Amino acid sequence: MNEPVLVGIAQIVVAKAPERICCMGLGSCVAVFLYDPMGRIGGVVHALLPRAPRDAKVRGKYADTAVKALLDEMISKGARRDQLRAKLVGGAQMFPNLNIKVADIGKENVEEAKKALKGLGIRLAAEDTHGTRGRSATFDLENGRVSISTAFSDSHFI
């Protein structure tokens, strides 16, 4: 089996089966996975922050703009919008015990991604979000399954 295509922060990757796509180092970031099971086309965006400023140049960096950017890329590669299903991974609160007043960026990232999916009419099929541990996720475009590895626990699928 080929090595998976790696997705970096703020990056969008779209591929077809038999490829696999891997998102590593998902802490407070959220990864949005879209899959067209008929065409076996999948895509991932690794969003760092919840909301884009008006002058944002990198749409994949922000959860609110990343989902639409991923959708556009998926459609340009032949995916059918009416077939798409989404999965979300990430959005952890990585340092909950620090005595500092900061927003829960992970929670906000997940909320913005869900809002964007809903606004585009894309069904959320599964998620593995929140908590306090980072994750890595590998997307198998043969079957649409996402394998998730979390620090200090066994892998599981969504």
C-alpha atoms as a PDB file:
ATOM      1  CA  MET A   1       0.000   0.000   0.000  1.00  0.00           C
ATOM      2  CA  ASN A   2       1.259   3.487  -0.828  1.00  0.00           C
ATOM      3  CA  GLU A   3       2.181   5.958   1.870  1.00  0.00           C
ATOM      4  CA  PRO A   4      -0.666   8.360   2.648  1.00  0.00           C
ATOM      5  CA  VAL A   5      -0.659  11.903   1.310  1.00  0.00           C
ATOM      6  CA  LEU A   6       0.098  14.232   4.245  1.00  0.00           C
ATOM      7  CA  VAL A   7      -2.034  17.297   4.940  1.00  0.00           C
ATOM      8  CA  GLY A   8      -0.380  20.246   6.658  1.00  0.00           C
ATOM      9  CA  ILE A   9      -1.993  23.064   8.595  1.00  0.00           C
ATOM     10  CA  ALA A  10      -4.204  25.244   6.358  1.00  0.00           C
ATOM     11  CA  GLN A  11      -3.751  22.791   3.480  1.00  0.00           C
ATOM     12  CA  ILE A  12      -6.458  21.185   1.353  1.00  0.00           C
ATOM     13  CA  VAL A  13      -5.879  17.783  -0.247  1.00  0.00           C
ATOM     14  CA  VAL A  14      -8.314  16.000  -2.577  1.00  0.00           C
ATOM     15  CA  ALA A  15      -7.604  12.543  -3.999  1.00  0.00           C
ATOM     16  CA  LYS A  16      -9.273   9.400  -5.361  1.00  0.00           C
ATOM     17  CA  ALA A  17      -9.145   5.776  -4.250  1.00  0.00           C
ATOM     18  CA  PRO A  18      -6.872   3.914  -3.720  1.00  0.00           C
ATOM     19  CA  GLU A  19      -5.116   6.887  -2.077  1.00  0.00           C
ATOM     20  CA  ARG A  20      -5.110   7.567   1.648  1.00  0.00           C
ATOM     21  CA  ILE A  21      -4.833  11.014   3.218  1.00  0.00           C
ATOM     22  CA  CYS A  22      -3.280  11.624   6.641  1.00  0.00           C
ATOM     23  CA  CYS A  23      -3.730  14.563   8.999  1.00  0.00           C
ATOM     24  CA  MET A  24      -1.199  14.525  11.837  1.00  0.00           C
ATOM     25  CA  GLY A  25      -0.947  16.703  14.902  1.00  0.00           C
ATOM     26  CA  LEU A  26      -4.600  17.605  15.350  1.00  0.00           C
ATOM     27  CA  GLY A  27      -4.753  19.373  18.687  1.00  0.00           C
ATOM     28  CA  SER A  28      -7.146  22.319  18.763  1.00  0.00           C
ATOM     29  CA  CYS A  29      -7.186  22.273  14.947  1.00  0.00           C
ATOM     30  CA  VAL A  30     -10.116  20.613  13.215  1.00  0.00           C
ATOM     31  CA  ALA A  31      -9.836  18.370  10.181  1.00  0.00           C
ATOM     32  CA  VAL A  32     -12.853  18.266   7.898  1.00  0.00           C
ATOM     33  CA  PHE A  33     -13.147  15.106   5.783  1.00  0.00           C
ATOM     34  CA  LEU A  34     -15.522  15.031   2.799  1.00  0.00           C
ATOM     35  CA  TYR A  35     -16.260  11.818   0.906  1.00  0.00           C
ATOM     36  CA  ASP A  36     -18.177  10.958  -2.253  1.00  0.00           C
ATOM     37  CA  PRO A  37     -18.732   7.182  -1.967  1.00  0.00           C
ATOM     38  CA  MET A  38     -19.936   6.808  -5.570  1.00  0.00           C
ATOM     39  CA  GLY A  39     -16.811   8.365  -7.079  1.00  0.00           C
ATOM     40  CA  ARG A  40     -14.575   7.297  -4.171  1.00  0.00           C
ATOM     41  CA  ILE A  41     -13.233  10.847  -4.042  1.00  0.00           C
ATOM     42  CA  GLY A  42     -12.218  12.310  -0.722  1.00  0.00           C
ATOM     43  CA  GLY A  43     -10.769  15.494   0.600  1.00  0.00           C
ATOM     44  CA  VAL A  44      -9.394  16.921   3.806  1.00  0.00           C
ATOM     45  CA  VAL A  45      -8.734  20.399   5.107  1.00  0.00           C
ATOM     46  CA  HIS A  46      -6.741  21.042   8.315  1.00  0.00           C
ATOM     47  CA  ALA A  47      -8.138  24.279   9.804  1.00  0.00           C
ATOM     48  CA  LEU A  48      -6.170  26.129  12.477  1.00  0.00           C
ATOM     49  CA  LEU A  49      -8.528  28.893  13.617  1.00  0.00           C
ATOM     50  CA  PRO A  50     -12.313  29.340  13.776  1.00  0.00           C
ATOM     51  CA  ARG A  51     -13.010  32.529  11.801  1.00  0.00           C
ATOM     52  CA  ALA A  52     -11.252  34.262   8.944  1.00  0.00           C
ATOM     53  CA  PRO A  53     -10.534  37.975   9.012  1.00  0.00           C
ATOM     54  CA  ARG A  54     -11.917  39.937   6.060  1.00  0.00           C
ATOM     55  CA  ASP A  55      -8.565  40.067   4.292  1.00  0.00           C
ATOM     56  CA  ALA A  56      -7.716  36.355   4.740  1.00  0.00           C
ATOM     57  CA  LYS A  57      -5.714  34.975   1.839  1.00  0.00           C
ATOM     58  CA  VAL A  58      -5.517  31.314   2.926  1.00  0.00           C
ATOM     59  CA  ARG A  59      -9.082  29.957   3.060  1.00  0.00           C
ATOM     60  CA  GLY A  60      -7.954  26.592   4.433  1.00  0.00           C
ATOM     61  CA  LYS A  61      -6.563  28.166   7.595  1.00  0.00           C
ATOM     62  CA  TYR A  62      -9.975  29.081   9.023  1.00  0.00           C
ATOM     63  CA  ALA A  63     -12.815  26.651   9.769  1.00  0.00           C
ATOM     64  CA  ASP A  64     -15.512  29.039   8.517  1.00  0.00           C
ATOM     65  CA  THR A  65     -13.947  29.373   5.034  1.00  0.00           C
ATOM     66  CA  ALA A  66     -12.122  26.029   4.828  1.00  0.00           C
ATOM     67  CA  VAL A  67     -15.236  23.894   4.350  1.00  0.00           C
ATOM     68  CA  LYS A  68     -16.386  25.882   1.286  1.00  0.00           C
ATOM     69  CA  ALA A  69     -12.850  25.843  -0.135  1.00  0.00           C
ATOM     70  CA  LEU A  70     -12.703  22.058   0.313  1.00  0.00           C
ATOM     71  CA  LEU A  71     -16.140  21.650  -1.282  1.00  0.00           C
ATOM     72  CA  ASP A  72     -15.075  23.735  -4.301  1.00  0.00           C
ATOM     73  CA  GLU A  73     -11.945  21.615  -4.734  1.00  0.00           C
ATOM     74  CA  MET A  74     -13.910  18.369  -4.401  1.00  0.00           C
ATOM     75  CA  ILE A  75     -16.418  19.423  -7.064  1.00  0.00           C
ATOM     76  CA  SER A  76     -13.624  20.537  -9.403  1.00  0.00           C
ATOM     77  CA  LYS A  77     -12.163  17.006  -9.112  1.00  0.00           C
ATOM     78  CA  GLY A  78     -15.457  15.313 -10.011  1.00  0.00           C
ATOM     79  CA  ALA A  79     -17.217  14.769  -6.680  1.00  0.00           C
ATOM     80  CA  ARG A  80     -20.999  15.027  -6.628  1.00  0.00           C
ATOM     81  CA  ARG A  81     -22.264  17.460  -4.024  1.00  0.00           C
ATOM     82  CA  ASP A  82     -25.428  15.449  -3.368  1.00  0.00           C
ATOM     83  CA  GLN A  83     -23.318  12.397  -2.458  1.00  0.00           C
ATOM     84  CA  LEU A  84     -20.969  14.113   0.000  1.00  0.00           C
ATOM     85  CA  ARG A  85     -20.758  13.122   3.647  1.00  0.00           C
ATOM     86  CA  ALA A  86     -18.566  14.804   6.245  1.00  0.00           C
ATOM     87  CA  LYS A  87     -16.545  13.682   9.229  1.00  0.00           C
ATOM     88  CA  LEU A  88     -14.785  15.910  11.758  1.00  0.00           C
ATOM     89  CA  VAL A  89     -11.722  15.127  13.847  1.00  0.00           C
ATOM     90  CA  GLY A  90      -9.878  17.324  16.346  1.00  0.00           C
ATOM     91  CA  GLY A  91     -10.910  20.388  18.268  1.00  0.00           C
ATOM     92  CA  ALA A  92      -9.302  19.375  21.549  1.00  0.00           C
ATOM     93  CA  GLN A  93      -8.653  21.710  24.453  1.00  0.00           C
ATOM     94  CA  MET A  94      -4.969  20.925  24.728  1.00  0.00           C
ATOM     95  CA  PHE A  95      -4.111  22.746  27.945  1.00  0.00           C
ATOM     96  CA  PRO A  96      -7.239  22.790  30.122  1.00  0.00           C
ATOM     97  CA  ASN A  97      -5.345  23.097  33.401  1.00  0.00           C
ATOM     98  CA  LEU A  98      -3.465  26.288  32.630  1.00  0.00           C
ATOM     99  CA  ASN A  99      -4.625  29.214  34.732  1.00  0.00           C
ATOM    100  CA  ILE A 100      -5.074  31.557  31.818  1.00  0.00           C
ATOM    101  CA  LYS A 101      -8.232  33.060  30.377  1.00  0.00           C
ATOM    102  CA  VAL A 102      -8.284  31.978  26.746  1.00  0.00           C
ATOM    103  CA  ALA A 103     -11.077  30.909  24.489  1.00  0.00           C
ATOM    104  CA  ASP A 104     -11.500  27.215  23.792  1.00  0.00           C
ATOM    105  CA  ILE A 105     -10.193  27.444  20.219  1.00  0.00           C
ATOM    106  CA  GLY A 106     -10.794  23.729  19.632  1.00  0.00           C
ATOM    107  CA  LYS A 107     -14.480  24.011  20.526  1.00  0.00           C
ATOM    108  CA  GLU A 108     -14.847  27.119  18.352  1.00  0.00           C
ATOM    109  CA  ASN A 109     -13.134  25.375  15.428  1.00  0.00           C
ATOM    110  CA  VAL A 110     -15.594  22.473  15.611  1.00  0.00           C
ATOM    111  CA  GLU A 111     -18.610  24.800  15.947  1.00  0.00           C
ATOM    112  CA  GLU A 112     -17.574  26.861  12.910  1.00  0.00           C
ATOM    113  CA  ALA A 113     -16.926  23.745  10.808  1.00  0.00           C
ATOM    114  CA  LYS A 114     -20.375  22.359  11.717  1.00  0.00           C
ATOM    115  CA  LYS A 115     -22.027  25.684  10.932  1.00  0.00           C
ATOM    116  CA  ALA A 116     -20.302  25.794   7.528  1.00  0.00           C
ATOM    117  CA  LEU A 117     -21.304  22.191   6.713  1.00  0.00           C
ATOM    118  CA  LYS A 118     -24.917  22.894   7.660  1.00  0.00           C
ATOM    119  CA  GLY A 119     -24.944  26.070   5.580  1.00  0.00           C
ATOM    120  CA  LEU A 120     -23.731  24.111   2.554  1.00  0.00           C
ATOM    121  CA  GLY A 121     -26.244  21.309   3.103  1.00  0.00           C
ATOM    122  CA  ILE A 122     -23.597  18.648   3.783  1.00  0.00           C
ATOM    123  CA  ARG A 123     -24.545  15.941   6.279  1.00  0.00           C
ATOM    124  CA  LEU A 124     -22.198  15.276   9.181  1.00  0.00           C
ATOM    125  CA  ALA A 125     -21.872  11.473   9.282  1.00  0.00           C
ATOM    126  CA  ALA A 126     -19.464  11.145  12.231  1.00  0.00           C
ATOM    127  CA  GLU A 127     -17.084  13.018  14.463  1.00  0.00           C
ATOM    128  CA  ASP A 128     -14.330  12.462  16.973  1.00  0.00           C
ATOM    129  CA  THR A 129     -13.910  15.891  18.532  1.00  0.00           C
ATOM    130  CA  HIS A 130     -13.103  17.759  21.744  1.00  0.00           C
ATOM    131  CA  GLY A 131     -11.368  16.120  24.708  1.00  0.00           C
ATOM    132  CA  THR A 132      -7.857  16.996  25.844  1.00  0.00           C
ATOM    133  CA  ARG A 133      -5.620  14.818  23.648  1.00  0.00           C
ATOM    134  CA  GLY A 134      -4.170  15.381  20.222  1.00  0.00           C
ATOM    135  CA  ARG A 135      -5.023  13.052  17.360  1.00  0.00           C
ATOM    136  CA  SER A 136      -3.826  11.872  13.991  1.00  0.00           C
ATOM    137  CA  ALA A 137      -6.281  10.652  11.376  1.00  0.00           C
ATOM    138  CA  THR A 138      -5.876   8.629   8.182  1.00  0.00           C
ATOM    139  CA  PHE A 139      -8.633   8.707   5.556  1.00  0.00           C
ATOM    140  CA  ASP A 140      -9.030   5.590   3.388  1.00  0.00           C
ATOM    141  CA  LEU A 141     -10.616   6.590   0.083  1.00  0.00           C
ATOM    142  CA  GLU A 142     -11.484   2.986  -0.798  1.00  0.00           C
ATOM    143  CA  ASN A 143     -14.218   2.916   1.850  1.00  0.00           C
ATOM    144  CA  GLY A 144     -14.455   6.395   3.423  1.00  0.00           C
ATOM    145  CA  ARG A 145     -13.295   5.233   6.860  1.00  0.00           C
ATOM    146  CA  VAL A 146     -11.146   7.464   9.025  1.00  0.00           C
ATOM    147  CA  SER A 147      -8.694   5.736  11.369  1.00  0.00           C
ATOM    148  CA  ILE A 148      -7.934   7.852  14.425  1.00  0.00           C
ATOM    149  CA  SER A 149      -4.920   7.529  16.696  1.00  0.00           C
ATOM    150  CA  THR A 150      -4.980   9.351  20.006  1.00  0.00           C
ATOM    151  CA  ALA A 151      -2.078   9.624  22.394  1.00  0.00           C
ATOM    152  CA  PHE A 152      -2.183   6.892  25.029  1.00  0.00           C
ATOM    153  CA  SER A 153      -5.070   4.916  23.519  1.00  0.00           C
ATOM    154  CA  ASP A 154      -5.803   2.400  20.783  1.00  0.00           C
ATOM    155  CA  SER A 155      -6.762   3.431  17.262  1.00  0.00           C
ATOM    156  CA  HIS A 156     -10.409   3.474  16.283  1.00  0.00           C
ATOM    157  CA  PHE A 157     -12.510   4.266  13.212  1.00  0.00           C
ATOM    158  CA  ILE A 158     -15.301   6.685  12.375  1.00  0.00           C
END
